[in-house]
Amino acid sequence: MTTMTPALTEPTSLPLLFSPRVAEVSRNTAETKITVKLNLDGTGTSNLSTGIGFFDHMLDQIARHGLIDLDIQAEGDLHIDGHHTVEDVGITLGQAVARAVGDKKGLRRYGHAYVPLDEALSRVVIDFSGRPGLQMHVPFKSGMIGTFDSQLAYEFFQGFVNHAFVTLHIDNLKGENAHHQAETVFKAFARALRMALELDPRSMGVIPSTKGSL
């Protein structure tokens, strides 16, 4: 007697553990024209053009160390200075992150990192709290880093927190070289962001707050 085994069939579709966390946001004003595209679950690739070389270098740290695929194209009134461009990139990046994160279900929510570079050391702590707040203490040793005004680091992060709705604490603990200070700040931000954005397999579908919303 011959037993026939039913042929296996491929499922028509496989259930996704989570939806792709991607976003594209454009911001056009009389001062700047900016487009940000990102994938929070990327590999750290980047395509960056802001017209400010050192700023592009810092944004690359966010992509590389945050494992975020990041495409930022910005045109701004650099004939005046870099203020509007840097601030508006922070705003647009914050909007894109907020859109990609969505309802925050399964999110680890909190992230922190210490990053050194030679003599410099910075600490960044982030909370996807739904409440924008920035505490930043970075005593830059130089006003300019290439063509980047070091004061604009604060404007970038202020724009980001206001539109990503996060609480962010940034402290440069040591540093004598402004380039090193800035790089440790942006790298630590990237690592803290990466930790906070991770999806916790033990709490998928749950918003990480006793309030039930963020």
N, C-alpha and C. Protein backbone atom coordinates (compact mmCIF):
# COMPACT_ATOMS: atom_id res chain seq x y z
N MET A 1 0.85 -1.19 0.00
CA MET A 1 0.00 0.00 0.00
C MET A 1 0.88 1.24 0.00
N THR A 2 0.61 2.11 -0.89
CA THR A 2 1.42 3.32 -1.02
C THR A 2 0.74 4.49 -0.33
N THR A 3 1.52 5.17 0.54
CA THR A 3 0.99 6.35 1.23
C THR A 3 1.46 7.60 0.50
N MET A 4 0.53 8.44 0.12
CA MET A 4 0.86 9.67 -0.58
C MET A 4 1.00 10.81 0.43
N THR A 5 2.11 11.51 0.35
CA THR A 5 2.35 12.66 1.22
C THR A 5 1.95 13.94 0.50
N PRO A 6 1.06 14.73 1.08
CA PRO A 6 0.65 15.97 0.40
C PRO A 6 1.86 16.87 0.14
N ALA A 7 1.87 17.49 -1.01
CA ALA A 7 2.96 18.38 -1.36
C ALA A 7 2.91 19.63 -0.48
N LEU A 8 4.09 20.07 -0.06
CA LEU A 8 4.17 21.28 0.73
C LEU A 8 4.00 22.49 -0.18
N THR A 9 3.25 23.44 0.28
CA THR A 9 3.06 24.65 -0.50
C THR A 9 3.65 25.83 0.24
N GLU A 10 4.19 26.77 -0.50
CA GLU A 10 4.76 27.97 0.10
C GLU A 10 3.63 28.89 0.57
N PRO A 11 3.78 29.47 1.75
CA PRO A 11 2.75 30.42 2.19
C PRO A 11 2.72 31.63 1.27
N THR A 12 1.54 32.16 1.13
CA THR A 12 1.42 33.31 0.22
C THR A 12 2.12 34.54 0.77
N SER A 13 2.18 34.62 2.08
CA SER A 13 2.87 35.76 2.68
C SER A 13 3.35 35.37 4.07
N LEU A 14 4.43 35.99 4.50
CA LEU A 14 4.97 35.73 5.82
C LEU A 14 4.63 36.91 6.72
N PRO A 15 4.23 36.65 7.95
CA PRO A 15 3.91 37.75 8.84
C PRO A 15 5.16 38.54 9.20
N LEU A 16 5.03 39.84 9.23
CA LEU A 16 6.14 40.68 9.61
C LEU A 16 6.15 40.87 11.12
N LEU A 17 7.35 40.84 11.72
CA LEU A 17 7.46 41.10 13.14
C LEU A 17 7.17 42.56 13.44
N PHE A 18 7.56 43.42 12.53
CA PHE A 18 7.25 44.84 12.69
C PHE A 18 7.28 45.49 11.32
N SER A 19 6.59 46.61 11.22
CA SER A 19 6.57 47.35 9.97
C SER A 19 7.89 48.07 9.77
N PRO A 20 8.31 48.25 8.53
CA PRO A 20 9.55 48.99 8.28
C PRO A 20 9.47 50.38 8.88
N ARG A 21 10.49 50.76 9.60
CA ARG A 21 10.50 52.07 10.26
C ARG A 21 11.26 53.06 9.39
N VAL A 22 10.57 53.56 8.40
CA VAL A 22 11.17 54.48 7.43
C VAL A 22 10.34 55.75 7.37
N ALA A 23 10.97 56.82 6.90
CA ALA A 23 10.25 58.08 6.77
C ALA A 23 10.97 58.98 5.78
N GLU A 24 10.21 59.88 5.19
CA GLU A 24 10.76 60.94 4.34
C GLU A 24 10.03 62.24 4.67
N VAL A 25 10.79 63.27 4.98
CA VAL A 25 10.20 64.56 5.35
C VAL A 25 10.94 65.66 4.60
N SER A 26 10.18 66.60 4.05
CA SER A 26 10.77 67.77 3.40
C SER A 26 10.34 69.03 4.14
N ARG A 27 11.25 69.98 4.22
CA ARG A 27 10.96 71.27 4.85
C ARG A 27 11.49 72.36 3.93
N ASN A 28 10.59 73.19 3.45
CA ASN A 28 10.95 74.27 2.54
C ASN A 28 10.52 75.61 3.12
N THR A 29 11.50 76.48 3.33
CA THR A 29 11.22 77.82 3.83
C THR A 29 11.96 78.83 2.95
N ALA A 30 11.84 80.09 3.28
CA ALA A 30 12.57 81.12 2.55
C ALA A 30 14.06 81.06 2.83
N GLU A 31 14.44 80.29 3.88
CA GLU A 31 15.84 80.21 4.28
C GLU A 31 16.52 78.90 3.89
N THR A 32 15.75 77.82 3.89
CA THR A 32 16.33 76.50 3.61
C THR A 32 15.37 75.62 2.84
N LYS A 33 15.95 74.65 2.15
CA LYS A 33 15.19 73.58 1.49
C LYS A 33 15.88 72.28 1.88
N ILE A 34 15.14 71.44 2.61
CA ILE A 34 15.75 70.25 3.21
C ILE A 34 14.86 69.04 3.00
N THR A 35 15.48 67.93 2.64
CA THR A 35 14.80 66.64 2.56
C THR A 35 15.59 65.62 3.37
N VAL A 36 14.90 64.90 4.24
CA VAL A 36 15.51 63.84 5.04
C VAL A 36 14.78 62.54 4.74
N LYS A 37 15.54 61.52 4.39
CA LYS A 37 15.02 60.17 4.24
C LYS A 37 15.80 59.28 5.20
N LEU A 38 15.10 58.40 5.91
CA LEU A 38 15.83 57.54 6.84
C LEU A 38 15.15 56.20 7.01
N ASN A 39 15.96 55.24 7.43
CA ASN A 39 15.52 53.90 7.80
C ASN A 39 16.14 53.60 9.16
N LEU A 40 15.32 53.54 10.20
CA LEU A 40 15.84 53.34 11.55
C LEU A 40 16.44 51.95 11.74
N ASP A 41 16.11 51.02 10.86
CA ASP A 41 16.62 49.65 10.96
C ASP A 41 17.59 49.36 9.83
N GLY A 42 18.44 50.33 9.55
CA GLY A 42 19.37 50.20 8.43
C GLY A 42 20.71 49.62 8.83
N THR A 43 21.72 49.92 8.03
CA THR A 43 23.07 49.41 8.26
C THR A 43 24.09 50.52 8.47
N GLY A 44 23.63 51.78 8.45
CA GLY A 44 24.53 52.89 8.69
C GLY A 44 25.03 53.58 7.45
N THR A 45 24.37 53.37 6.33
CA THR A 45 24.79 54.05 5.10
C THR A 45 24.28 55.49 5.12
N SER A 46 24.98 56.37 4.41
CA SER A 46 24.57 57.77 4.41
C SER A 46 24.85 58.43 3.07
N ASN A 47 24.04 59.43 2.78
CA ASN A 47 24.21 60.30 1.61
C ASN A 47 23.88 61.70 2.10
N LEU A 48 24.91 62.52 2.32
CA LEU A 48 24.75 63.77 3.04
C LEU A 48 25.30 64.94 2.26
N SER A 49 24.52 66.01 2.20
CA SER A 49 24.98 67.22 1.53
C SER A 49 24.29 68.42 2.15
N THR A 50 25.02 69.12 3.04
CA THR A 50 24.46 70.31 3.68
C THR A 50 25.22 71.57 3.30
N GLY A 51 26.36 71.42 2.63
CA GLY A 51 27.19 72.57 2.31
C GLY A 51 28.16 72.95 3.41
N ILE A 52 28.11 72.23 4.54
CA ILE A 52 29.01 72.47 5.67
C ILE A 52 29.74 71.16 5.94
N GLY A 53 31.00 71.10 5.56
CA GLY A 53 31.74 69.85 5.59
C GLY A 53 31.78 69.17 6.94
N PHE A 54 32.09 69.90 7.98
CA PHE A 54 32.18 69.28 9.30
C PHE A 54 30.82 68.80 9.78
N PHE A 55 29.77 69.53 9.45
CA PHE A 55 28.41 69.10 9.82
C PHE A 55 28.06 67.79 9.13
N ASP A 56 28.41 67.66 7.85
CA ASP A 56 28.20 66.39 7.16
C ASP A 56 28.94 65.26 7.87
N HIS A 57 30.15 65.55 8.33
CA HIS A 57 30.95 64.56 9.06
C HIS A 57 30.24 64.13 10.34
N MET A 58 29.62 65.06 11.04
CA MET A 58 28.90 64.73 12.27
C MET A 58 27.63 63.94 11.98
N LEU A 59 26.90 64.31 10.93
CA LEU A 59 25.71 63.56 10.56
C LEU A 59 26.06 62.14 10.15
N ASP A 60 27.22 61.97 9.56
CA ASP A 60 27.69 60.64 9.19
C ASP A 60 27.92 59.79 10.44
N GLN A 61 28.34 60.42 11.54
CA GLN A 61 28.50 59.68 12.79
C GLN A 61 27.16 59.14 13.27
N ILE A 62 26.11 59.95 13.13
CA ILE A 62 24.78 59.52 13.54
C ILE A 62 24.35 58.28 12.75
N ALA A 63 24.56 58.34 11.43
CA ALA A 63 24.19 57.20 10.59
C ALA A 63 25.02 55.97 10.93
N ARG A 64 26.34 56.16 10.95
CA ARG A 64 27.25 55.01 11.11
C ARG A 64 27.10 54.34 12.47
N HIS A 65 27.11 55.13 13.52
CA HIS A 65 27.10 54.54 14.86
C HIS A 65 25.68 54.29 15.38
N GLY A 66 24.69 54.90 14.74
CA GLY A 66 23.30 54.63 15.09
C GLY A 66 22.68 53.53 14.26
N LEU A 67 23.43 53.04 13.25
CA LEU A 67 22.91 52.05 12.30
C LEU A 67 21.59 52.51 11.68
N ILE A 68 21.61 53.79 11.27
CA ILE A 68 20.47 54.39 10.60
C ILE A 68 20.88 54.73 9.17
N ASP A 69 20.13 54.26 8.20
CA ASP A 69 20.37 54.70 6.82
C ASP A 69 19.82 56.11 6.70
N LEU A 70 20.68 57.04 6.28
CA LEU A 70 20.33 58.45 6.36
C LEU A 70 20.70 59.18 5.08
N ASP A 71 19.71 59.84 4.50
CA ASP A 71 19.91 60.66 3.30
C ASP A 71 19.40 62.06 3.64
N ILE A 72 20.33 63.02 3.68
CA ILE A 72 19.96 64.40 3.98
C ILE A 72 20.50 65.32 2.89
N GLN A 73 19.60 66.00 2.23
CA GLN A 73 19.97 66.97 1.21
C GLN A 73 19.46 68.33 1.66
N ALA A 74 20.38 69.28 1.82
CA ALA A 74 20.00 70.59 2.35
C ALA A 74 20.62 71.71 1.54
N GLU A 75 19.81 72.70 1.23
CA GLU A 75 20.28 73.94 0.61
C GLU A 75 19.84 75.08 1.52
N GLY A 76 20.81 75.87 1.98
CA GLY A 76 20.47 76.95 2.90
C GLY A 76 21.20 78.23 2.57
N ASP A 77 20.86 79.28 3.31
CA ASP A 77 21.46 80.60 3.07
C ASP A 77 22.83 80.71 3.73
N LEU A 78 23.76 79.90 3.24
CA LEU A 78 25.10 79.86 3.81
C LEU A 78 25.88 81.14 3.56
N HIS A 79 25.40 81.98 2.66
CA HIS A 79 26.07 83.27 2.45
C HIS A 79 25.88 84.17 3.67
N ILE A 80 24.88 83.84 4.50
CA ILE A 80 24.69 84.56 5.77
C ILE A 80 25.52 83.87 6.84
N ASP A 81 25.15 82.65 7.18
CA ASP A 81 25.95 81.78 8.04
C ASP A 81 25.27 80.42 8.03
N GLY A 82 25.74 79.51 8.88
CA GLY A 82 25.20 78.15 8.87
C GLY A 82 24.03 77.92 9.80
N HIS A 83 23.59 78.97 10.51
CA HIS A 83 22.59 78.79 11.56
C HIS A 83 21.30 78.16 11.05
N HIS A 84 20.69 78.74 10.03
CA HIS A 84 19.40 78.25 9.55
C HIS A 84 19.51 76.82 9.02
N THR A 85 20.60 76.54 8.32
CA THR A 85 20.78 75.20 7.75
C THR A 85 20.90 74.15 8.84
N VAL A 86 21.75 74.39 9.82
CA VAL A 86 21.97 73.41 10.89
C VAL A 86 20.72 73.22 11.73
N GLU A 87 20.09 74.32 12.11
CA GLU A 87 18.87 74.22 12.92
C GLU A 87 17.76 73.50 12.17
N ASP A 88 17.57 73.82 10.90
CA ASP A 88 16.48 73.22 10.14
C ASP A 88 16.74 71.76 9.82
N VAL A 89 17.99 71.37 9.68
CA VAL A 89 18.30 69.95 9.53
C VAL A 89 17.91 69.21 10.82
N GLY A 90 18.21 69.80 11.97
CA GLY A 90 17.80 69.19 13.23
C GLY A 90 16.30 69.05 13.33
N ILE A 91 15.57 70.09 12.93
CA ILE A 91 14.11 70.04 12.95
C ILE A 91 13.58 68.93 12.05
N THR A 92 14.08 68.88 10.82
CA THR A 92 13.58 67.91 9.84
C THR A 92 13.96 66.49 10.21
N LEU A 93 15.17 66.31 10.75
CA LEU A 93 15.56 64.98 11.22
C LEU A 93 14.68 64.54 12.38
N GLY A 94 14.38 65.45 13.29
CA GLY A 94 13.49 65.12 14.39
C GLY A 94 12.11 64.71 13.91
N GLN A 95 11.57 65.43 12.93
CA GLN A 95 10.27 65.08 12.38
C GLN A 95 10.29 63.70 11.73
N ALA A 96 11.37 63.40 11.01
CA ALA A 96 11.48 62.11 10.34
C ALA A 96 11.59 60.96 11.35
N VAL A 97 12.36 61.16 12.41
CA VAL A 97 12.49 60.13 13.44
C VAL A 97 11.14 59.89 14.11
N ALA A 98 10.44 60.96 14.46
CA ALA A 98 9.13 60.82 15.10
C ALA A 98 8.16 60.06 14.21
N ARG A 99 8.18 60.36 12.92
CA ARG A 99 7.27 59.69 11.99
C ARG A 99 7.63 58.21 11.85
N ALA A 100 8.93 57.90 11.78
CA ALA A 100 9.36 56.51 11.61
C ALA A 100 9.10 55.68 12.86
N VAL A 101 9.24 56.29 14.04
CA VAL A 101 9.03 55.56 15.30
C VAL A 101 7.57 55.16 15.47
N GLY A 102 6.66 56.02 15.06
CA GLY A 102 5.24 55.69 15.16
C GLY A 102 4.73 55.70 16.59
N ASP A 103 3.96 54.67 16.96
CA ASP A 103 3.29 54.66 18.27
C ASP A 103 4.21 54.22 19.41
N LYS A 104 5.44 53.84 19.09
CA LYS A 104 6.48 53.48 20.09
C LYS A 104 6.23 52.14 20.77
N LYS A 105 5.32 51.34 20.26
CA LYS A 105 5.10 50.02 20.85
C LYS A 105 6.35 49.15 20.69
N GLY A 106 6.76 48.52 21.77
CA GLY A 106 7.92 47.64 21.74
C GLY A 106 9.25 48.36 21.83
N LEU A 107 9.22 49.68 21.88
CA LEU A 107 10.45 50.47 21.90
C LEU A 107 11.14 50.32 23.26
N ARG A 108 12.46 50.23 23.24
CA ARG A 108 13.19 50.23 24.51
C ARG A 108 13.06 51.58 25.22
N ARG A 109 12.90 52.63 24.45
CA ARG A 109 12.61 53.98 24.93
C ARG A 109 13.82 54.73 25.44
N TYR A 110 14.60 54.13 26.33
CA TYR A 110 15.75 54.81 26.92
C TYR A 110 17.05 54.36 26.26
N GLY A 111 17.99 55.28 26.15
CA GLY A 111 19.31 54.93 25.64
C GLY A 111 20.36 55.81 26.27
N HIS A 112 21.56 55.28 26.39
CA HIS A 112 22.66 56.06 26.94
C HIS A 112 23.98 55.57 26.37
N ALA A 113 24.98 56.44 26.36
CA ALA A 113 26.29 56.04 25.85
C ALA A 113 27.36 57.00 26.35
N TYR A 114 28.52 56.43 26.62
CA TYR A 114 29.75 57.18 26.84
C TYR A 114 30.66 56.90 25.65
N VAL A 115 31.23 57.95 25.06
CA VAL A 115 32.14 57.76 23.92
C VAL A 115 33.39 58.61 24.13
N PRO A 116 34.59 58.00 24.03
CA PRO A 116 35.83 58.75 24.11
C PRO A 116 36.43 58.98 22.73
N LEU A 117 37.23 59.99 22.61
CA LEU A 117 38.11 60.17 21.45
C LEU A 117 39.36 60.87 21.95
N ASP A 118 40.44 60.12 22.07
CA ASP A 118 41.68 60.64 22.64
C ASP A 118 41.40 61.26 24.01
N GLU A 119 41.62 62.56 24.16
CA GLU A 119 41.46 63.20 25.47
C GLU A 119 40.01 63.56 25.79
N ALA A 120 39.12 63.47 24.81
CA ALA A 120 37.74 63.91 24.98
C ALA A 120 36.84 62.74 25.38
N LEU A 121 35.82 63.06 26.17
CA LEU A 121 34.86 62.06 26.62
C LEU A 121 33.50 62.73 26.77
N SER A 122 32.46 62.13 26.16
CA SER A 122 31.11 62.68 26.27
C SER A 122 30.11 61.60 26.66
N ARG A 123 29.06 62.05 27.32
CA ARG A 123 27.96 61.17 27.74
C ARG A 123 26.65 61.74 27.21
N VAL A 124 25.83 60.86 26.63
CA VAL A 124 24.51 61.26 26.13
C VAL A 124 23.48 60.27 26.64
N VAL A 125 22.36 60.81 27.13
CA VAL A 125 21.24 59.99 27.61
C VAL A 125 19.97 60.51 26.93
N ILE A 126 19.16 59.59 26.41
CA ILE A 126 17.96 59.98 25.68
C ILE A 126 16.76 59.18 26.16
N ASP A 127 15.60 59.83 26.13
CA ASP A 127 14.33 59.20 26.51
C ASP A 127 13.28 59.62 25.49
N PHE A 128 12.66 58.64 24.83
CA PHE A 128 11.56 58.94 23.91
C PHE A 128 10.29 59.13 24.73
N SER A 129 10.29 60.21 25.48
CA SER A 129 9.28 60.48 26.49
C SER A 129 8.01 61.09 25.94
N GLY A 130 8.09 61.67 24.73
CA GLY A 130 6.97 62.44 24.21
C GLY A 130 7.01 63.89 24.67
N ARG A 131 8.03 64.22 25.47
CA ARG A 131 8.17 65.58 26.00
C ARG A 131 9.53 66.13 25.58
N PRO A 132 9.55 67.18 24.77
CA PRO A 132 10.84 67.73 24.33
C PRO A 132 11.57 68.44 25.46
N GLY A 133 12.85 68.10 25.61
CA GLY A 133 13.66 68.77 26.62
C GLY A 133 15.13 68.54 26.33
N LEU A 134 15.93 69.59 26.45
CA LEU A 134 17.37 69.48 26.17
C LEU A 134 18.15 70.11 27.31
N GLN A 135 19.10 69.33 27.84
CA GLN A 135 20.12 69.82 28.74
C GLN A 135 21.47 69.50 28.10
N MET A 136 22.18 70.53 27.67
CA MET A 136 23.43 70.33 26.96
C MET A 136 24.53 71.18 27.59
N HIS A 137 25.60 70.51 28.00
CA HIS A 137 26.73 71.19 28.63
C HIS A 137 28.01 70.75 27.93
N VAL A 138 28.41 71.56 26.97
CA VAL A 138 29.61 71.26 26.18
C VAL A 138 30.45 72.54 26.08
N PRO A 139 31.51 72.65 26.88
CA PRO A 139 32.36 73.84 26.84
C PRO A 139 33.38 73.76 25.70
N PHE A 140 32.92 74.05 24.49
CA PHE A 140 33.80 73.94 23.32
C PHE A 140 35.03 74.84 23.50
N LYS A 141 36.19 74.28 23.13
CA LYS A 141 37.45 74.99 23.27
C LYS A 141 37.72 75.94 22.10
N SER A 142 36.88 75.86 21.08
CA SER A 142 37.04 76.72 19.90
C SER A 142 35.67 77.10 19.37
N GLY A 143 35.55 78.32 18.86
CA GLY A 143 34.29 78.77 18.31
C GLY A 143 33.99 78.18 16.95
N MET A 144 35.01 77.90 16.17
CA MET A 144 34.83 77.36 14.83
C MET A 144 35.57 76.03 14.70
N ILE A 145 34.92 75.08 14.03
CA ILE A 145 35.54 73.80 13.69
C ILE A 145 35.43 73.69 12.18
N GLY A 146 36.49 74.01 11.48
CA GLY A 146 36.38 74.17 10.03
C GLY A 146 35.48 75.35 9.76
N THR A 147 34.43 75.13 8.97
CA THR A 147 33.45 76.19 8.70
C THR A 147 32.19 76.02 9.55
N PHE A 148 32.26 75.17 10.56
CA PHE A 148 31.12 74.90 11.43
C PHE A 148 31.27 75.69 12.71
N ASP A 149 30.28 76.54 13.01
CA ASP A 149 30.25 77.29 14.26
C ASP A 149 29.83 76.33 15.38
N SER A 150 30.70 76.12 16.36
CA SER A 150 30.42 75.14 17.41
C SER A 150 29.15 75.45 18.19
N GLN A 151 28.73 76.71 18.26
CA GLN A 151 27.48 77.07 18.93
C GLN A 151 26.26 76.41 18.28
N LEU A 152 26.40 76.07 16.99
CA LEU A 152 25.26 75.53 16.27
C LEU A 152 24.96 74.08 16.63
N ALA A 153 25.88 73.42 17.33
CA ALA A 153 25.58 72.07 17.81
C ALA A 153 24.35 72.11 18.71
N TYR A 154 24.28 73.13 19.57
CA TYR A 154 23.12 73.28 20.45
C TYR A 154 21.85 73.49 19.62
N GLU A 155 21.92 74.32 18.58
CA GLU A 155 20.74 74.60 17.76
C GLU A 155 20.26 73.35 17.04
N PHE A 156 21.20 72.51 16.61
CA PHE A 156 20.83 71.25 15.95
C PHE A 156 20.06 70.36 16.91
N PHE A 157 20.61 70.15 18.10
CA PHE A 157 19.96 69.25 19.04
C PHE A 157 18.66 69.83 19.58
N GLN A 158 18.59 71.16 19.73
CA GLN A 158 17.32 71.78 20.16
C GLN A 158 16.24 71.57 19.12
N GLY A 159 16.58 71.75 17.85
CA GLY A 159 15.62 71.49 16.78
C GLY A 159 15.18 70.04 16.76
N PHE A 160 16.14 69.13 16.99
CA PHE A 160 15.82 67.70 16.99
C PHE A 160 14.85 67.34 18.10
N VAL A 161 15.16 67.74 19.34
CA VAL A 161 14.30 67.32 20.46
C VAL A 161 12.90 67.92 20.37
N ASN A 162 12.81 69.14 19.86
CA ASN A 162 11.51 69.79 19.75
C ASN A 162 10.56 69.05 18.82
N HIS A 163 11.13 68.34 17.84
CA HIS A 163 10.28 67.70 16.82
C HIS A 163 10.31 66.18 16.88
N ALA A 164 11.30 65.60 17.56
CA ALA A 164 11.28 64.15 17.81
C ALA A 164 10.56 63.85 19.12
N PHE A 165 10.31 64.90 19.92
CA PHE A 165 9.62 64.77 21.21
C PHE A 165 10.38 63.83 22.14
N VAL A 166 11.67 64.15 22.34
CA VAL A 166 12.51 63.36 23.22
C VAL A 166 13.12 64.26 24.29
N THR A 167 13.51 63.64 25.39
CA THR A 167 14.31 64.31 26.41
C THR A 167 15.76 63.89 26.17
N LEU A 168 16.67 64.88 26.13
CA LEU A 168 18.06 64.61 25.75
C LEU A 168 19.01 65.33 26.70
N HIS A 169 19.92 64.57 27.28
CA HIS A 169 20.97 65.13 28.14
C HIS A 169 22.32 64.87 27.48
N ILE A 170 23.07 65.94 27.26
CA ILE A 170 24.38 65.85 26.61
C ILE A 170 25.41 66.52 27.51
N ASP A 171 26.45 65.77 27.85
CA ASP A 171 27.52 66.32 28.69
C ASP A 171 28.88 65.94 28.12
N ASN A 172 29.69 66.94 27.80
CA ASN A 172 31.08 66.69 27.47
C ASN A 172 31.86 66.73 28.79
N LEU A 173 32.38 65.58 29.19
CA LEU A 173 33.02 65.44 30.49
C LEU A 173 34.49 65.86 30.48
N LYS A 174 35.15 65.66 29.34
CA LYS A 174 36.54 66.03 29.19
C LYS A 174 36.78 66.42 27.74
N GLY A 175 37.77 67.26 27.50
CA GLY A 175 38.12 67.59 26.12
C GLY A 175 38.90 68.87 26.01
N GLU A 176 39.94 68.84 25.18
CA GLU A 176 40.75 70.02 24.93
C GLU A 176 40.73 70.44 23.46
N ASN A 177 40.23 69.55 22.61
CA ASN A 177 40.17 69.81 21.18
C ASN A 177 38.70 69.84 20.75
N ALA A 178 38.28 70.95 20.15
CA ALA A 178 36.86 71.12 19.82
C ALA A 178 36.36 70.07 18.85
N HIS A 179 37.20 69.68 17.90
CA HIS A 179 36.81 68.62 16.95
C HIS A 179 36.51 67.34 17.72
N HIS A 180 37.39 66.98 18.65
CA HIS A 180 37.20 65.78 19.43
C HIS A 180 35.96 65.89 20.32
N GLN A 181 35.75 67.06 20.91
CA GLN A 181 34.56 67.25 21.74
C GLN A 181 33.29 67.01 20.95
N ALA A 182 33.20 67.65 19.79
CA ALA A 182 32.01 67.51 18.96
C ALA A 182 31.82 66.08 18.49
N GLU A 183 32.90 65.43 18.10
CA GLU A 183 32.76 64.08 17.57
C GLU A 183 32.31 63.11 18.64
N THR A 184 32.81 63.27 19.87
CA THR A 184 32.34 62.37 20.93
C THR A 184 30.87 62.62 21.24
N VAL A 185 30.43 63.87 21.15
CA VAL A 185 29.02 64.18 21.39
C VAL A 185 28.14 63.51 20.35
N PHE A 186 28.47 63.66 19.08
CA PHE A 186 27.62 63.11 18.03
C PHE A 186 27.67 61.58 18.01
N LYS A 187 28.83 61.00 18.29
CA LYS A 187 28.92 59.55 18.34
C LYS A 187 28.12 59.00 19.53
N ALA A 188 28.24 59.65 20.68
CA ALA A 188 27.48 59.19 21.84
C ALA A 188 25.98 59.35 21.61
N PHE A 189 25.59 60.43 20.95
CA PHE A 189 24.18 60.61 20.58
C PHE A 189 23.71 59.46 19.70
N ALA A 190 24.52 59.10 18.73
CA ALA A 190 24.15 58.01 17.82
C ALA A 190 23.99 56.69 18.56
N ARG A 191 24.92 56.39 19.45
CA ARG A 191 24.85 55.13 20.19
C ARG A 191 23.66 55.10 21.15
N ALA A 192 23.39 56.24 21.81
CA ALA A 192 22.24 56.30 22.70
C ALA A 192 20.94 56.17 21.91
N LEU A 193 20.88 56.83 20.75
CA LEU A 193 19.71 56.75 19.89
C LEU A 193 19.48 55.31 19.44
N ARG A 194 20.55 54.65 19.06
CA ARG A 194 20.46 53.26 18.61
C ARG A 194 19.88 52.37 19.71
N MET A 195 20.34 52.56 20.94
CA MET A 195 19.83 51.76 22.06
C MET A 195 18.36 52.03 22.30
N ALA A 196 17.98 53.30 22.33
CA ALA A 196 16.60 53.66 22.62
C ALA A 196 15.63 53.18 21.54
N LEU A 197 16.10 53.14 20.29
CA LEU A 197 15.24 52.78 19.17
C LEU A 197 15.11 51.27 18.97
N GLU A 198 15.90 50.49 19.69
CA GLU A 198 15.81 49.04 19.54
C GLU A 198 14.43 48.54 19.96
N LEU A 199 13.96 47.52 19.27
CA LEU A 199 12.69 46.89 19.62
C LEU A 199 12.96 45.72 20.56
N ASP A 200 12.28 45.73 21.69
CA ASP A 200 12.45 44.70 22.72
C ASP A 200 11.51 43.54 22.42
N PRO A 201 12.04 42.37 22.09
CA PRO A 201 11.16 41.25 21.73
C PRO A 201 10.24 40.80 22.86
N ARG A 202 10.58 41.18 24.11
CA ARG A 202 9.75 40.78 25.24
C ARG A 202 8.57 41.71 25.46
N SER A 203 8.57 42.85 24.75
CA SER A 203 7.47 43.80 24.99
C SER A 203 6.87 44.30 23.69
N MET A 204 6.89 43.45 22.65
CA MET A 204 6.31 43.85 21.38
C MET A 204 4.81 44.10 21.56
N GLY A 205 4.35 45.19 21.00
CA GLY A 205 2.95 45.55 21.11
C GLY A 205 2.61 46.31 22.37
N VAL A 206 3.63 46.57 23.21
CA VAL A 206 3.38 47.27 24.47
C VAL A 206 4.09 48.63 24.44
N ILE A 207 3.40 49.68 24.81
CA ILE A 207 4.00 50.99 24.92
C ILE A 207 4.75 51.07 26.25
N PRO A 208 6.04 51.42 26.24
CA PRO A 208 6.85 51.39 27.45
C PRO A 208 6.58 52.55 28.40
N SER A 209 5.39 52.59 28.95
CA SER A 209 5.01 53.63 29.91
C SER A 209 3.84 53.13 30.73
N THR A 210 3.85 53.45 32.03
CA THR A 210 2.71 53.07 32.88
C THR A 210 1.47 53.89 32.54
N LYS A 211 1.66 55.00 31.82
CA LYS A 211 0.52 55.81 31.40
C LYS A 211 -0.23 55.18 30.23
N GLY A 212 0.48 54.28 29.50
CA GLY A 212 -0.14 53.64 28.34
C GLY A 212 0.02 54.43 27.05
N SER A 213 0.73 55.57 27.12
CA SER A 213 0.98 56.35 25.92
C SER A 213 2.21 57.21 26.14
N LEU A 214 2.84 57.55 25.02
CA LEU A 214 4.03 58.41 25.07
C LEU A 214 3.88 59.50 24.02
